[in-house]
Protein backbone atom coordinates (compact mmCIF):
# COMPACT_ATOMS: atom_id res chain seq x y z
CA MET A 1 -48.53 -22.61 10.60
CA VAL A 2 -47.43 -20.03 7.99
CA HIS A 3 -45.52 -21.48 5.28
CA LEU A 4 -42.45 -19.32 4.39
CA LYS A 5 -43.38 -18.50 0.75
CA ASN A 6 -46.23 -17.09 1.97
CA LEU A 7 -44.70 -14.96 4.76
CA PRO A 8 -43.72 -11.30 2.63
CA LYS A 9 -47.64 -11.44 1.57
CA LEU A 10 -48.51 -11.45 5.22
CA ILE A 11 -46.22 -8.85 5.95
CA LEU A 12 -47.33 -6.67 3.17
CA ALA A 13 -50.48 -7.28 4.14
CA LYS A 14 -50.19 -6.51 8.02
CA LEU A 15 -48.29 -3.56 7.32
CA ALA A 16 -51.22 -2.11 4.54
CA ASN A 17 -53.56 -3.05 7.47
CA SER A 18 -51.19 -0.80 9.86
CA ARG A 19 -51.37 1.99 7.52
CA MET A 20 -54.73 2.38 7.30
CA MET A 21 -55.39 1.87 10.93
CA LEU A 22 -53.10 4.85 11.97
CA LYS A 23 -55.09 6.88 9.15
CA GLY A 24 -58.14 6.07 11.03
CA LYS A 25 -60.13 8.24 13.72
CA LYS A 26 -58.73 8.16 17.29
CA PHE A 27 -60.85 8.34 20.07
CA ASN A 28 -59.61 9.04 24.07
CA LYS A 29 -62.07 6.29 25.23
CA HIS A 30 -61.71 2.67 25.05
CA ILE A 31 -64.60 1.50 22.79
CA ILE A 32 -65.32 -2.21 21.99
CA VAL A 33 -67.95 -2.65 18.83
CA LEU A 34 -69.15 -5.96 18.45
CA GLU A 35 -70.30 -6.95 14.66
CA SER A 36 -71.59 -10.00 13.76
CA ASP A 37 -72.50 -10.77 9.93
CA ASP A 38 -75.06 -13.10 8.32
CA TRP A 39 -78.10 -13.05 10.78
CA GLY A 40 -81.23 -14.26 9.14
CA SER A 41 -79.24 -15.99 6.21
CA ILE A 42 -79.24 -19.69 5.35
CA ARG A 43 -76.12 -21.24 5.21
CA MET A 44 -76.64 -24.99 6.12
CA PRO A 45 -80.02 -26.12 7.62
CA SER A 46 -78.45 -28.60 9.67
CA ILE A 47 -75.01 -30.85 10.32
CA GLU A 48 -77.09 -33.73 9.44
CA VAL A 49 -77.64 -32.40 5.47
CA TYR A 50 -74.28 -31.66 4.91
CA ASN A 51 -73.11 -34.78 6.15
CA THR A 52 -75.84 -36.00 3.60
CA LEU A 53 -74.52 -33.91 0.77
CA VAL A 54 -71.03 -35.00 1.60
CA LYS A 55 -71.85 -38.45 1.31
CA ASN A 56 -73.69 -37.91 -1.97
CA GLY A 57 -69.97 -36.41 -3.34
CA VAL A 58 -71.46 -32.50 -3.48
CA SER A 59 -67.83 -31.51 -3.16
CA SER A 60 -68.40 -27.83 -3.87
CA ILE A 61 -69.42 -27.44 0.13
CA LEU A 62 -66.37 -28.48 1.79
CA GLY A 63 -63.98 -25.63 1.00
CA GLY A 64 -64.51 -24.36 4.22
CA LYS A 65 -65.52 -24.43 7.83
CA TYR A 66 -68.26 -22.28 8.11
CA ASN A 67 -70.94 -24.87 6.08
CA GLN A 68 -70.66 -26.94 9.04
CA VAL A 69 -71.13 -24.61 11.56
CA ASP A 70 -73.28 -22.00 10.16
CA THR A 71 -77.23 -22.15 10.45
CA LEU A 72 -80.02 -19.89 11.42
CA ALA A 73 -80.04 -19.53 15.28
CA SER A 74 -82.30 -21.64 17.34
CA ASN A 75 -84.45 -20.90 20.20
CA ASP A 76 -81.40 -22.33 22.28
CA ASP A 77 -78.95 -20.53 20.47
CA LEU A 78 -80.59 -17.18 21.40
CA GLU A 79 -81.49 -17.50 24.87
CA LEU A 80 -77.54 -18.56 25.61
CA LEU A 81 -76.45 -15.29 23.68
CA LEU A 82 -79.02 -13.14 25.51
CA ASP A 83 -77.45 -14.65 29.00
CA ILE A 84 -73.86 -13.99 28.15
CA LEU A 85 -74.51 -10.74 26.72
CA SER A 86 -76.66 -9.37 29.63
CA SER A 87 -73.86 -10.96 32.20
CA VAL A 88 -71.03 -8.59 30.63
CA LYS A 89 -71.39 -4.85 31.78
CA ASP A 90 -68.91 -1.89 31.48
CA ALA A 91 -68.06 0.63 34.01
CA ASN A 92 -71.56 2.61 33.86
CA GLY A 93 -73.45 -0.91 34.06
CA ASN A 94 -74.55 -1.42 30.53
CA PRO A 95 -74.45 -4.66 29.05
CA ALA A 96 -72.73 -5.73 25.99
CA LYS A 97 -74.53 -5.03 22.67
CA LEU A 98 -74.30 -7.04 19.40
CA THR A 99 -74.44 -5.33 16.06
CA MET A 100 -76.24 -7.88 14.07
CA ASN A 101 -76.07 -7.28 10.44
CA CYS A 102 -79.31 -8.88 8.98
CA VAL A 103 -79.75 -10.28 6.03
CA VAL A 104 -83.62 -9.76 5.25
CA ALA A 105 -84.41 -12.90 3.22
CA ASN A 106 -83.86 -16.42 1.70
CA PRO A 107 -84.67 -17.94 -1.73
CA ASP A 108 -88.49 -19.10 -1.62
CA PHE A 109 -87.27 -22.59 -3.04
CA GLU A 110 -90.81 -23.96 -3.40
CA LYS A 111 -91.82 -20.78 -5.74
CA ILE A 112 -88.76 -21.18 -7.66
CA GLU A 113 -89.68 -25.02 -8.09
CA LYS A 114 -92.73 -24.46 -9.43
CA SER A 115 -91.72 -21.89 -11.90
CA ASN A 116 -88.92 -24.64 -13.24
CA TYR A 117 -86.10 -22.29 -12.11
CA GLU A 118 -87.54 -19.62 -14.58
CA LYS A 119 -87.82 -16.99 -12.04
CA TYR A 120 -86.52 -16.23 -8.66
CA TYR A 121 -88.51 -15.67 -5.70
CA TYR A 122 -87.52 -14.79 -2.15
CA GLU A 123 -89.29 -14.52 1.43
CA PRO A 124 -88.68 -12.54 4.43
CA PHE A 125 -85.86 -14.45 7.16
CA THR A 126 -88.92 -14.50 9.66
CA GLU A 127 -90.66 -16.91 7.21
CA THR A 128 -88.20 -19.12 6.73
CA LEU A 129 -87.92 -19.11 10.59
CA LYS A 130 -91.06 -20.92 10.89
CA ARG A 131 -90.08 -24.05 8.98
CA TYR A 132 -87.06 -24.80 11.08
CA PRO A 133 -87.53 -27.04 14.11
CA ASN A 134 -86.86 -25.08 17.80
CA HIS A 135 -87.15 -22.14 15.73
CA ASP A 136 -90.57 -21.33 16.93
CA ARG A 137 -89.67 -18.21 19.78
CA ALA A 138 -86.24 -17.36 17.49
CA PHE A 139 -87.58 -13.91 16.25
CA ALA A 140 -89.42 -13.14 19.68
CA LEU A 141 -86.09 -13.81 21.33
CA TRP A 142 -84.70 -10.99 18.49
CA GLN A 143 -87.15 -8.67 19.78
CA GLU A 144 -86.40 -9.41 23.39
CA GLY A 145 -82.88 -8.90 22.73
CA ILE A 146 -83.57 -5.18 20.80
CA SER A 147 -86.07 -4.05 23.43
CA ASN A 148 -82.90 -4.94 26.03
CA LYS A 149 -80.75 -3.30 24.28
CA LEU A 150 -78.49 -6.55 23.35
CA PHE A 151 -79.33 -6.63 20.10
CA ARG A 152 -79.24 -3.82 17.24
CA PRO A 153 -80.01 -5.21 13.97
CA GLN A 154 -78.29 -3.47 11.03
CA PHE A 155 -78.64 -4.36 7.28
CA HIS A 156 -76.39 -7.03 5.28
CA GLY A 157 -78.59 -7.31 2.34
CA ARG A 158 -81.90 -8.56 1.02
CA GLU A 159 -80.06 -12.00 0.49
CA HIS A 160 -76.29 -13.39 0.87
CA LEU A 161 -76.34 -14.73 -2.56
CA ASN A 162 -76.03 -13.73 -5.93
CA PHE A 163 -79.63 -14.78 -6.85
CA GLN A 164 -78.57 -14.12 -10.60
CA LYS A 165 -75.76 -16.42 -10.79
CA TRP A 166 -77.45 -18.88 -8.98
CA MET A 167 -80.58 -19.26 -11.12
CA THR A 168 -78.25 -19.40 -14.33
CA LEU A 169 -76.67 -22.52 -12.43
CA LEU A 170 -80.13 -23.91 -11.51
CA LYS A 171 -81.27 -23.25 -14.86
CA SER A 172 -78.50 -24.99 -16.64
CA GLY A 173 -78.47 -28.46 -14.55
CA ASN A 174 -75.46 -27.68 -12.45
CA LYS A 175 -75.16 -31.02 -10.38
CA ASP A 176 -73.86 -29.72 -7.00
CA THR A 177 -76.34 -26.66 -7.33
CA LEU A 178 -79.43 -29.07 -7.84
CA ALA A 179 -78.33 -31.13 -4.88
CA CYS A 180 -77.89 -28.38 -2.49
CA PHE A 181 -81.23 -26.80 -3.56
CA ASN A 182 -83.07 -29.93 -3.22
CA PHE A 183 -81.62 -29.80 0.61
CA ARG A 184 -83.11 -26.02 0.47
CA ASN A 185 -79.47 -24.56 0.72
CA TYR A 186 -77.15 -22.88 -1.50
CA ALA A 187 -73.63 -23.03 0.31
CA MET A 188 -71.29 -23.54 -2.57
CA ILE A 189 -67.86 -21.90 -3.05
CA THR A 190 -65.87 -23.30 -5.90
CA ASP A 191 -64.76 -21.06 -8.53
CA GLU A 192 -67.47 -22.13 -10.59
CA THR A 193 -70.74 -22.20 -8.10
CA GLU A 194 -69.32 -19.23 -6.21
CA VAL A 195 -72.75 -17.45 -5.31
CA LEU A 196 -72.27 -15.74 -1.88
CA GLU A 197 -70.66 -13.02 -3.31
CA ALA A 198 -74.29 -11.43 -3.53
CA TYR A 199 -72.77 -7.87 -5.19
CA ASN A 200 -70.13 -9.28 -7.61
CA ILE A 201 -72.04 -8.17 -10.89
CA LYS A 202 -70.90 -8.46 -14.18
CA SER A 203 -72.81 -6.47 -16.39
CA LYS A 204 -75.20 -3.09 -16.30
CA ILE A 205 -78.14 -5.40 -15.78
CA GLU A 206 -77.01 -7.35 -12.86
CA ASN A 207 -75.86 -4.06 -11.40
CA GLU A 208 -79.64 -2.62 -11.56
CA LEU A 209 -81.02 -5.97 -10.26
CA VAL A 210 -78.47 -5.33 -7.28
CA LEU A 211 -79.75 -1.96 -6.78
CA LYS A 212 -83.22 -2.95 -6.59
CA SER A 213 -82.59 -5.59 -4.22
CA ILE A 214 -80.67 -3.25 -2.00
CA SER A 215 -83.87 -0.74 -2.31
CA GLU A 216 -86.39 -3.80 -1.43
CA GLY A 217 -83.87 -5.19 1.38
CA LEU A 218 -83.87 -1.83 2.96
CA ASP A 219 -87.59 -1.26 3.06
CA LEU A 220 -88.20 -5.11 4.32
CA PHE A 221 -85.68 -4.29 7.06
CA GLU A 222 -88.01 -1.36 8.36
CA ASN A 223 -90.97 -3.51 8.03
CA ILE A 224 -89.47 -6.27 10.27
CA PHE A 225 -87.50 -4.36 12.95
CA GLY A 226 -89.72 -1.03 12.59
CA TYR A 227 -86.73 1.48 12.23
CA ARG A 228 -84.46 2.10 9.18
CA SER A 229 -80.79 0.88 9.30
CA LEU A 230 -78.17 3.39 9.39
CA SER A 231 -75.70 1.30 8.17
CA MET A 232 -74.91 -1.59 6.01
CA ILE A 233 -72.07 -3.73 5.06
CA ALA A 234 -72.17 -5.63 1.84
CA PRO A 235 -71.72 -9.49 1.94
CA CYS A 236 -67.75 -10.85 1.25
CA TYR A 237 -66.87 -7.02 1.34
CA THR A 238 -67.57 -6.26 -2.45
CA TRP A 239 -69.52 -3.47 -3.48
CA ASN A 240 -69.14 -0.09 -5.66
CA ASP A 241 -70.18 3.41 -5.76
CA ASP A 242 -73.71 2.82 -7.25
CA ILE A 243 -74.64 0.40 -4.40
CA GLU A 244 -73.35 3.62 -1.68
CA ASP A 245 -75.11 5.95 -3.81
CA ILE A 246 -78.63 3.57 -3.18
CA ALA A 247 -77.96 3.16 0.25
CA TYR A 248 -77.85 6.55 1.10
CA GLN A 249 -81.03 7.33 -0.59
CA LYS A 250 -82.48 4.92 1.74
CA GLY A 251 -80.92 6.73 4.49
CA VAL A 252 -77.56 4.47 5.37
CA LEU A 253 -75.20 6.90 6.62
CA TYR A 254 -72.48 4.26 7.61
CA ILE A 255 -70.79 1.95 5.37
CA GLN A 256 -69.46 -1.00 7.75
CA GLY A 257 -66.49 -3.20 6.49
CA THR A 258 -62.20 -4.13 6.65
CA TYR A 259 -59.88 -1.53 5.46
CA ILE A 260 -60.20 -3.39 1.87
CA GLN A 261 -63.10 -2.84 -0.30
CA LEU A 262 -63.52 -5.51 -3.13
CA LEU A 263 -64.88 -3.99 -6.39
CA PRO A 264 -67.21 -6.11 -8.60
CA GLU A 265 -65.98 -7.30 -12.14
CA TYR A 266 -68.72 -4.99 -13.67
CA MET A 267 -67.07 -1.55 -13.93
CA SER A 268 -63.74 -3.36 -13.23
CA HIS A 269 -62.58 -4.50 -16.52
CA ASN A 270 -63.37 -8.11 -15.47
CA ARG A 271 -60.79 -7.85 -12.41
CA ARG A 272 -60.88 -7.91 -9.00
CA MET A 273 -59.62 -4.55 -7.83
CA LYS A 274 -59.53 -3.27 -4.41
CA ARG A 275 -59.92 0.03 -2.68
CA SER A 276 -58.50 1.10 0.84
CA HIS A 277 -60.46 2.58 3.68
CA TYR A 278 -59.87 4.05 7.14
CA LEU A 279 -62.17 4.60 10.29
CA GLY A 280 -63.71 7.59 9.96
CA GLU A 281 -63.05 8.50 6.42
CA LYS A 282 -66.08 9.98 4.68
CA ASN A 283 -67.30 8.88 0.68
CA ARG A 284 -68.52 11.50 -1.43
CA ASN A 285 -72.04 11.35 0.06
CA GLY A 286 -70.57 11.94 3.24
CA GLN A 287 -71.05 8.14 4.48
CA ILE A 288 -68.58 7.62 6.90
CA TYR A 289 -66.66 4.25 6.60
CA LEU A 290 -66.57 2.03 9.92
CA THR A 291 -63.50 -0.51 9.18
CA ARG A 292 -62.85 -3.39 11.25
CA ASN A 293 -59.54 -3.89 13.01
CA CYS A 294 -59.97 -7.37 14.86
CA PHE A 295 -61.67 -10.52 13.60
CA PHE A 296 -62.62 -13.46 16.12
CA GLU A 297 -63.82 -16.46 13.81
CA PRO A 298 -63.58 -19.37 16.15
CA SER A 299 -64.32 -21.97 13.04
CA GLN A 300 -61.62 -21.05 11.31
CA SER A 301 -57.34 -22.09 12.01
CA SER A 302 -55.82 -20.43 15.27
CA ARG A 303 -54.27 -17.67 12.62
CA TYR A 304 -58.08 -16.12 12.31
CA SER A 305 -59.20 -16.53 16.11
CA ALA A 306 -57.88 -13.01 17.32
CA GLU A 307 -56.28 -11.50 14.31
CA GLN A 308 -55.28 -8.09 14.87
């Protein structure tokens, strides 16, 4: 249910969305593009871990449904998904294809712990899969989906993690951060412990480290999948011009996102500023914005189930 006091904001948001959609590129054909984010990323190892953290009083994981349902896809998950995609055909008999926006690495918790939280290490997500039960065939199923033209991975980031902020919280002894770390996750979402906004940097040094992570991440993507990603989508829809530039240098021609781009606090006078984009718009590099016009989030309230 929408509260009346929020109605003006919702109406303005809908109008802004509609205005950008009207400016977007039009097609004679009916095209459905299925994009799904966060593949390869650790969110919550299991519902048992979630319940244990809640029982232990870790309150910073409670702010969203994602922490209850978002985890690495298992053998069973992927088999079911492949069955569903292959069962749906277009007029020409082609099956549905899922754009899997993939995070290619996760923190290497053991190495970080051995460094006494002084140095950040990461590992390919394919290594992370090996430590999860019922995931021994997961990457083989990814490859099967790619071969059968049901999956098409694209780049979502090296990690879905602001690793610089996360390491600072670990070194400072933040209670919730350390509790999650001990269960090999980082899914915290309070203002103090929000670390999922990988590119919300606040200084030139942080900006340079993010650009390095994107360059390394795109190379790792090619090493894992055997081709370069032609598109990317920034975690939490937050990025700046420098990020577009480094992505372009590494072969990225399309920028996925919504009609709203959130700018990092760095270069934005420590404020969260926004830009608007429309489908088919080009940036200074000639990269094309691919903006979403519909969201399907079953774990959220009904307002988000099919938001136009």
